[in-house]
């Protein structure tokens, strides 16, 4: 036999008596079970979508670290977006770090250690390139690691040195960083499709309007010189009096006779040409960081 406890309604009427376990959320065990499984399923779905995103964000260090405050937030975001494209395409990390100070380290040591200690680099060889700009002594340094050491040869680093520091000197920091990313993309593309830029595979500069104007001026000048000599030759052929190439034509045969001759040197001059230095056969130089990893790189003042 099933016994139920009844309670009166708020109006106090006996006719409104209802079971005490109905309407208080605990009366139907099946309903409680369904609500529990719905709640559990919702948590499971949230974990599927949210946890990987959190893990990915935690495992990916920032590609633009503006410790010196040289960029706006919009500029930082634009650089991150551009870097993400290059990294995704060539599987080589690109990092830009600005710092107020290197805290007593050399720029090379600071850049290498920052790369090693903050989880940068892609793949087993941890391939990547880091550009450091330190405002304390106005230093810059490019550190390469993994496969990037081969892609960024001494010739390539020379090329970057000619283009990035002048922009830093003039305070065009955003343009300098954009140039760095664009050059990295070009170097990585050439390495993948052909071979690294080097002394035997030099960078081909794109032709500009001024280049074409220069070629036009040279062509016109060359044509004018050729035309001048051609007309001069024709004029000489029209003359009846032709100058004699030697002086004896103007001297009587029975005139002055030279019986003795002697060469007398009045002065002498010596020219010296420096012997060209052997600059080697290209390629990349490497060194070992404090963490024991091989790095290439180049740096200086701006």
Protein backbone atom coordinates (compact mmCIF):
# COMPACT_ATOMS: atom_id res chain seq x y z
CA UNK A 1 0.00 0.00 0.00
CA UNK A 2 1.31 3.51 -0.96
CA UNK A 3 0.88 6.25 1.59
CA UNK A 4 1.01 9.91 0.54
CA UNK A 5 1.30 12.92 2.79
CA UNK A 6 -1.02 15.74 1.85
CA UNK A 7 -0.69 19.44 2.61
CA UNK A 8 -3.29 22.13 2.39
CA UNK A 9 -3.25 24.85 -0.22
CA UNK A 10 -2.51 28.43 0.80
CA UNK A 11 -6.24 29.19 0.68
CA UNK A 12 -6.70 26.73 3.50
CA UNK A 13 -9.36 24.67 1.72
CA UNK A 14 -9.26 20.89 2.17
CA UNK A 15 -10.41 20.39 -1.41
CA UNK A 16 -7.18 21.92 -2.65
CA UNK A 17 -4.98 19.42 -0.87
CA UNK A 18 -2.21 18.07 -3.12
CA UNK A 19 0.65 15.64 -2.64
CA UNK A 20 3.51 17.31 -0.77
CA UNK A 21 6.21 16.03 -3.22
CA UNK A 22 4.64 17.65 -6.32
CA UNK A 23 5.70 21.15 -7.52
CA UNK A 24 8.83 21.43 -5.32
CA UNK A 25 11.33 20.11 -7.94
CA UNK A 26 12.00 16.83 -6.23
CA UNK A 27 8.95 14.83 -7.02
CA UNK A 28 9.93 13.12 -10.28
CA UNK A 29 13.20 11.12 -10.18
CA UNK A 30 13.19 10.69 -14.00
CA UNK A 31 12.90 14.45 -14.49
CA UNK A 32 15.80 15.05 -12.14
CA UNK A 33 17.89 12.50 -14.05
CA UNK A 34 17.19 14.15 -17.41
CA UNK A 35 18.14 17.56 -16.06
CA UNK A 36 21.41 16.17 -14.72
CA UNK A 37 22.36 14.59 -18.05
CA UNK A 38 21.47 17.78 -19.96
CA UNK A 39 23.71 19.77 -17.61
CA UNK A 40 26.51 17.23 -17.97
CA UNK A 41 26.23 17.26 -21.77
CA UNK A 42 26.39 21.05 -21.83
CA UNK A 43 29.60 21.01 -19.80
CA UNK A 44 31.05 18.41 -22.15
CA UNK A 45 30.30 20.51 -25.24
CA UNK A 46 31.79 23.59 -23.64
CA UNK A 47 34.96 21.69 -22.77
CA UNK A 48 35.28 20.44 -26.36
CA UNK A 49 35.27 23.97 -27.81
CA UNK A 50 36.81 26.07 -25.05
CA UNK A 51 39.63 23.94 -23.63
CA UNK A 52 41.52 23.47 -26.94
CA UNK A 53 41.37 27.23 -27.55
CA UNK A 54 42.73 27.91 -24.07
CA UNK A 55 45.48 25.33 -24.54
CA UNK A 56 46.43 26.72 -27.94
CA UNK A 57 46.56 30.24 -26.59
CA UNK A 58 48.66 29.14 -23.63
CA UNK A 59 51.07 27.22 -25.87
CA UNK A 60 51.61 30.01 -28.43
CA UNK A 61 53.87 32.84 -27.23
CA UNK A 62 53.15 36.34 -28.48
CA UNK A 63 54.82 37.17 -31.79
CA UNK A 64 54.93 40.92 -31.11
CA UNK A 65 56.25 41.96 -27.69
CA UNK A 66 56.41 45.76 -27.53
CA UNK A 67 58.13 46.25 -24.20
CA UNK A 68 59.47 49.66 -25.24
CA UNK A 69 56.05 51.00 -26.25
CA UNK A 70 56.96 51.89 -29.83
CA UNK A 71 53.69 50.73 -31.43
CA UNK A 72 49.97 51.34 -31.06
CA UNK A 73 47.63 48.44 -30.35
CA UNK A 74 46.32 48.62 -33.93
CA UNK A 75 49.87 48.39 -35.29
CA UNK A 76 50.63 45.41 -33.05
CA UNK A 77 47.50 43.60 -34.24
CA UNK A 78 48.34 44.32 -37.89
CA UNK A 79 51.84 42.89 -37.43
CA UNK A 80 50.51 39.79 -35.65
CA UNK A 81 48.08 39.15 -38.51
CA UNK A 82 50.82 39.57 -41.12
CA UNK A 83 53.23 37.35 -39.19
CA UNK A 84 50.58 34.64 -38.82
CA UNK A 85 50.25 34.44 -42.62
CA UNK A 86 53.99 33.95 -43.12
CA UNK A 87 54.36 31.47 -40.26
CA UNK A 88 51.44 29.38 -41.53
CA UNK A 89 52.83 29.33 -45.06
CA UNK A 90 56.49 28.55 -44.36
CA UNK A 91 56.44 26.95 -40.88
CA UNK A 92 59.10 29.29 -39.55
CA UNK A 93 58.48 31.46 -36.50
CA UNK A 94 58.76 35.25 -36.78
CA UNK A 95 59.08 37.34 -33.63
CA UNK A 96 59.44 41.09 -33.00
CA UNK A 97 60.64 42.20 -29.56
CA UNK A 98 61.21 45.76 -28.39
CA UNK A 99 62.78 46.36 -24.99
CA UNK A 100 63.71 49.35 -22.88
CA UNK A 101 66.91 47.55 -21.79
CA UNK A 102 68.80 44.29 -22.27
CA UNK A 103 69.47 44.18 -18.50
CA UNK A 104 73.23 43.92 -18.80
CA UNK A 105 73.27 41.31 -21.56
CA UNK A 106 74.69 41.87 -25.01
CA UNK A 107 72.00 42.31 -27.69
CA UNK A 108 72.97 38.94 -29.17
CA UNK A 109 72.70 37.12 -25.83
CA UNK A 110 69.41 38.84 -25.01
CA UNK A 111 67.86 37.96 -28.40
CA UNK A 112 69.09 34.34 -28.34
CA UNK A 113 67.96 33.78 -24.74
CA UNK A 114 64.58 35.40 -25.33
CA UNK A 115 64.00 33.07 -28.27
CA UNK A 116 65.13 29.97 -26.36
CA UNK A 117 63.44 30.68 -23.03
CA UNK A 118 60.01 31.76 -24.27
CA UNK A 119 59.09 28.76 -26.40
CA UNK A 120 59.65 30.23 -29.85
CA UNK A 121 60.55 28.12 -32.87
CA UNK A 122 58.59 25.63 -34.97
CA UNK A 123 59.27 21.93 -35.38
CA UNK A 124 61.94 19.73 -33.86
CA UNK A 125 64.67 22.17 -34.90
CA UNK A 126 62.70 25.14 -33.49
CA UNK A 127 63.04 27.20 -36.65
CA UNK A 128 62.49 30.92 -36.37
CA UNK A 129 63.75 34.49 -36.68
CA UNK A 130 63.63 37.13 -33.93
CA UNK A 131 64.20 40.86 -34.38
CA UNK A 132 65.22 42.69 -31.20
CA UNK A 133 65.14 46.47 -30.82
CA UNK A 134 66.58 47.79 -27.53
CA UNK A 135 66.16 51.49 -26.83
CA UNK A 136 68.68 51.76 -23.97
CA UNK A 137 71.73 51.84 -26.25
CA UNK A 138 69.76 51.88 -29.53
CA UNK A 139 70.74 48.33 -30.45
CA UNK A 140 69.15 45.99 -32.95
CA UNK A 141 69.79 42.30 -33.45
CA UNK A 142 68.37 39.54 -35.66
CA UNK A 143 68.65 36.02 -34.20
CA UNK A 144 68.02 32.96 -36.38
CA UNK A 145 67.49 29.36 -35.32
CA UNK A 146 66.80 25.95 -36.86
CA UNK A 147 66.25 25.91 -40.63
CA UNK A 148 66.21 29.72 -40.64
CA UNK A 149 69.99 29.70 -40.17
CA UNK A 150 70.35 28.32 -43.70
CA UNK A 151 67.67 30.61 -45.17
CA UNK A 152 69.25 33.77 -43.74
CA UNK A 153 72.85 33.72 -44.98
CA UNK A 154 75.50 36.36 -44.29
CA UNK A 155 74.67 37.89 -47.66
CA UNK A 156 70.98 38.00 -46.75
CA UNK A 157 71.68 39.53 -43.34
CA UNK A 158 73.85 42.18 -45.05
CA UNK A 159 70.87 43.01 -47.24
CA UNK A 160 68.57 43.32 -44.22
CA UNK A 161 71.13 45.48 -42.42
CA UNK A 162 71.05 47.96 -45.30
CA UNK A 163 67.27 48.37 -45.07
CA UNK A 164 66.01 47.98 -41.51
CA UNK A 165 68.35 50.08 -39.27
CA UNK A 166 67.91 53.30 -41.34
CA UNK A 167 64.16 53.10 -40.71
CA UNK A 168 64.78 52.59 -36.99
CA UNK A 169 67.11 55.58 -36.94
CA UNK A 170 64.44 57.83 -38.45
CA UNK A 171 61.83 56.58 -35.96
CA UNK A 172 59.75 54.75 -38.57
CA UNK A 173 59.34 51.71 -36.34
CA UNK A 174 56.20 50.28 -37.93
CA UNK A 175 57.72 50.53 -41.41
CA UNK A 176 60.91 48.89 -40.13
CA UNK A 177 58.96 45.96 -38.69
CA UNK A 178 56.83 45.61 -41.84
CA UNK A 179 60.04 45.57 -43.89
CA UNK A 180 61.45 42.87 -41.61
CA UNK A 181 58.39 40.64 -42.08
CA UNK A 182 58.32 41.19 -45.87
CA UNK A 183 62.03 40.37 -46.22
CA UNK A 184 61.60 37.25 -44.08
CA UNK A 185 58.76 36.13 -46.34
CA UNK A 186 60.88 36.75 -49.46
CA UNK A 187 63.91 34.89 -48.03
CA UNK A 188 61.81 31.89 -46.95
CA UNK A 189 60.02 31.75 -50.32
CA UNK A 190 63.30 31.79 -52.25
CA UNK A 191 64.73 29.06 -50.01
CA UNK A 192 61.67 26.86 -50.53
CA UNK A 193 61.30 27.41 -54.28
CA UNK A 194 64.96 27.67 -55.26
CA UNK A 195 67.83 28.13 -52.76
CA UNK A 196 68.79 30.73 -50.16
CA UNK A 197 69.85 34.17 -51.27
CA UNK A 198 73.65 34.27 -51.24
CA UNK A 199 76.64 35.66 -53.12
CA UNK A 200 75.92 33.22 -55.96
CA UNK A 201 72.15 33.85 -55.86
CA UNK A 202 71.78 37.57 -55.32
CA UNK A 203 68.52 39.38 -54.70
CA UNK A 204 66.99 40.82 -57.85
CA UNK A 205 65.81 44.34 -57.15
CA UNK A 206 62.44 45.20 -58.71
CA UNK A 207 62.64 47.82 -61.48
CA UNK A 208 61.17 51.23 -60.67
CA UNK A 209 60.10 54.13 -62.90
CA UNK A 210 63.36 55.94 -62.13
CA UNK A 211 65.29 52.87 -63.31
CA UNK A 212 63.51 52.91 -66.66
CA UNK A 213 64.08 56.66 -67.03
CA UNK A 214 67.78 56.13 -66.31
CA UNK A 215 67.99 53.46 -69.02
CA UNK A 216 66.20 55.81 -71.45
CA UNK A 217 68.66 58.64 -70.78
CA UNK A 218 71.62 56.29 -71.27
CA UNK A 219 70.18 55.03 -74.56
CA UNK A 220 69.60 58.56 -75.89
CA UNK A 221 73.10 59.66 -74.84
CA UNK A 222 74.70 56.62 -76.49
CA UNK A 223 72.77 57.31 -79.70
CA UNK A 224 73.90 60.95 -79.69
CA UNK A 225 77.57 59.96 -79.27
CA UNK A 226 77.37 57.44 -82.12
CA UNK A 227 75.69 60.01 -84.38
CA UNK A 228 78.37 62.62 -83.57
CA UNK A 229 81.25 60.36 -84.53
CA UNK A 230 79.48 59.19 -87.67
CA UNK A 231 78.88 62.74 -88.95
CA UNK A 232 82.42 63.79 -88.03
CA UNK A 233 83.81 60.95 -90.13
CA UNK A 234 81.70 61.98 -93.10
CA UNK A 235 82.88 65.61 -92.82
CA UNK A 236 86.52 64.55 -92.84
CA UNK A 237 86.02 62.65 -96.09
CA UNK A 238 84.81 65.84 -97.80
CA UNK A 239 88.08 67.73 -97.20
CA UNK A 240 90.72 67.85 -100.03
CA UNK A 241 93.58 68.90 -97.78
CA UNK A 242 94.52 65.99 -95.60
CA UNK A 243 96.91 66.56 -92.67
CA UNK A 244 100.05 64.42 -92.68
CA UNK A 245 100.39 62.00 -89.79
CA UNK A 246 104.18 62.46 -89.55
CA UNK A 247 106.40 65.54 -89.38
CA UNK A 248 108.87 64.37 -92.07
CA UNK A 249 106.41 65.39 -94.79
CA UNK A 250 107.10 69.04 -93.92
CA UNK A 251 110.92 68.76 -93.83
CA UNK A 252 113.20 68.89 -96.84
CA UNK A 253 114.98 65.66 -97.55
CA UNK A 254 118.39 67.37 -97.57
CA UNK A 255 117.63 69.45 -94.49
CA UNK A 256 118.38 68.66 -90.85
CA UNK A 257 119.93 65.24 -90.18
CA UNK A 258 119.77 63.77 -86.67
CA UNK A 259 122.84 61.66 -86.00
CA UNK A 260 122.28 60.82 -82.32
CA UNK A 261 119.23 60.38 -80.05
CA UNK A 262 118.79 59.73 -76.35
CA UNK A 263 115.78 59.10 -74.07
CA UNK A 264 115.72 61.26 -70.94
CA UNK A 265 113.20 60.42 -68.15
CA UNK A 266 112.09 63.53 -66.32
CA UNK A 267 110.04 61.81 -63.55
CA UNK A 268 108.41 58.52 -62.58
CA UNK A 269 105.23 57.58 -60.68
CA UNK A 270 104.22 54.45 -58.76
CA UNK A 271 100.60 53.37 -58.27
CA UNK A 272 99.60 50.83 -55.63
CA UNK A 273 96.48 48.64 -55.79
CA UNK A 274 95.31 46.99 -52.56
CA UNK A 275 95.07 43.23 -52.66
CA UNK A 276 91.42 42.15 -52.41
CA UNK A 277 90.52 40.33 -49.21
CA UNK A 278 89.10 36.84 -49.24
CA UNK A 279 85.51 37.19 -48.03
CA UNK A 280 84.81 33.47 -48.10
CA UNK A 281 82.24 31.50 -50.00
CA UNK A 282 79.00 32.78 -48.48
CA UNK A 283 76.73 30.69 -46.28
CA UNK A 284 75.88 31.36 -42.63
CA UNK A 285 77.94 31.76 -39.47
CA UNK A 286 76.66 30.26 -36.24
CA UNK A 287 77.31 30.53 -32.52
CA UNK A 288 75.97 28.76 -29.44
CA UNK A 289 73.59 30.46 -27.01
CA UNK A 290 73.68 30.13 -23.22
CA UNK A 291 71.03 27.44 -23.56
CA UNK A 292 73.29 25.36 -25.80
CA UNK A 293 71.40 25.95 -29.05
CA UNK A 294 72.91 27.01 -32.37
CA UNK A 295 71.96 30.45 -33.66
CA UNK A 296 72.90 32.68 -36.55
CA UNK A 297 72.39 36.40 -36.64
CA UNK A 298 73.52 39.97 -37.13
CA UNK A 299 73.23 43.17 -35.13
CA UNK A 300 74.41 46.73 -34.64
CA UNK A 301 73.42 50.27 -33.66
CA UNK A 302 70.76 52.51 -35.14
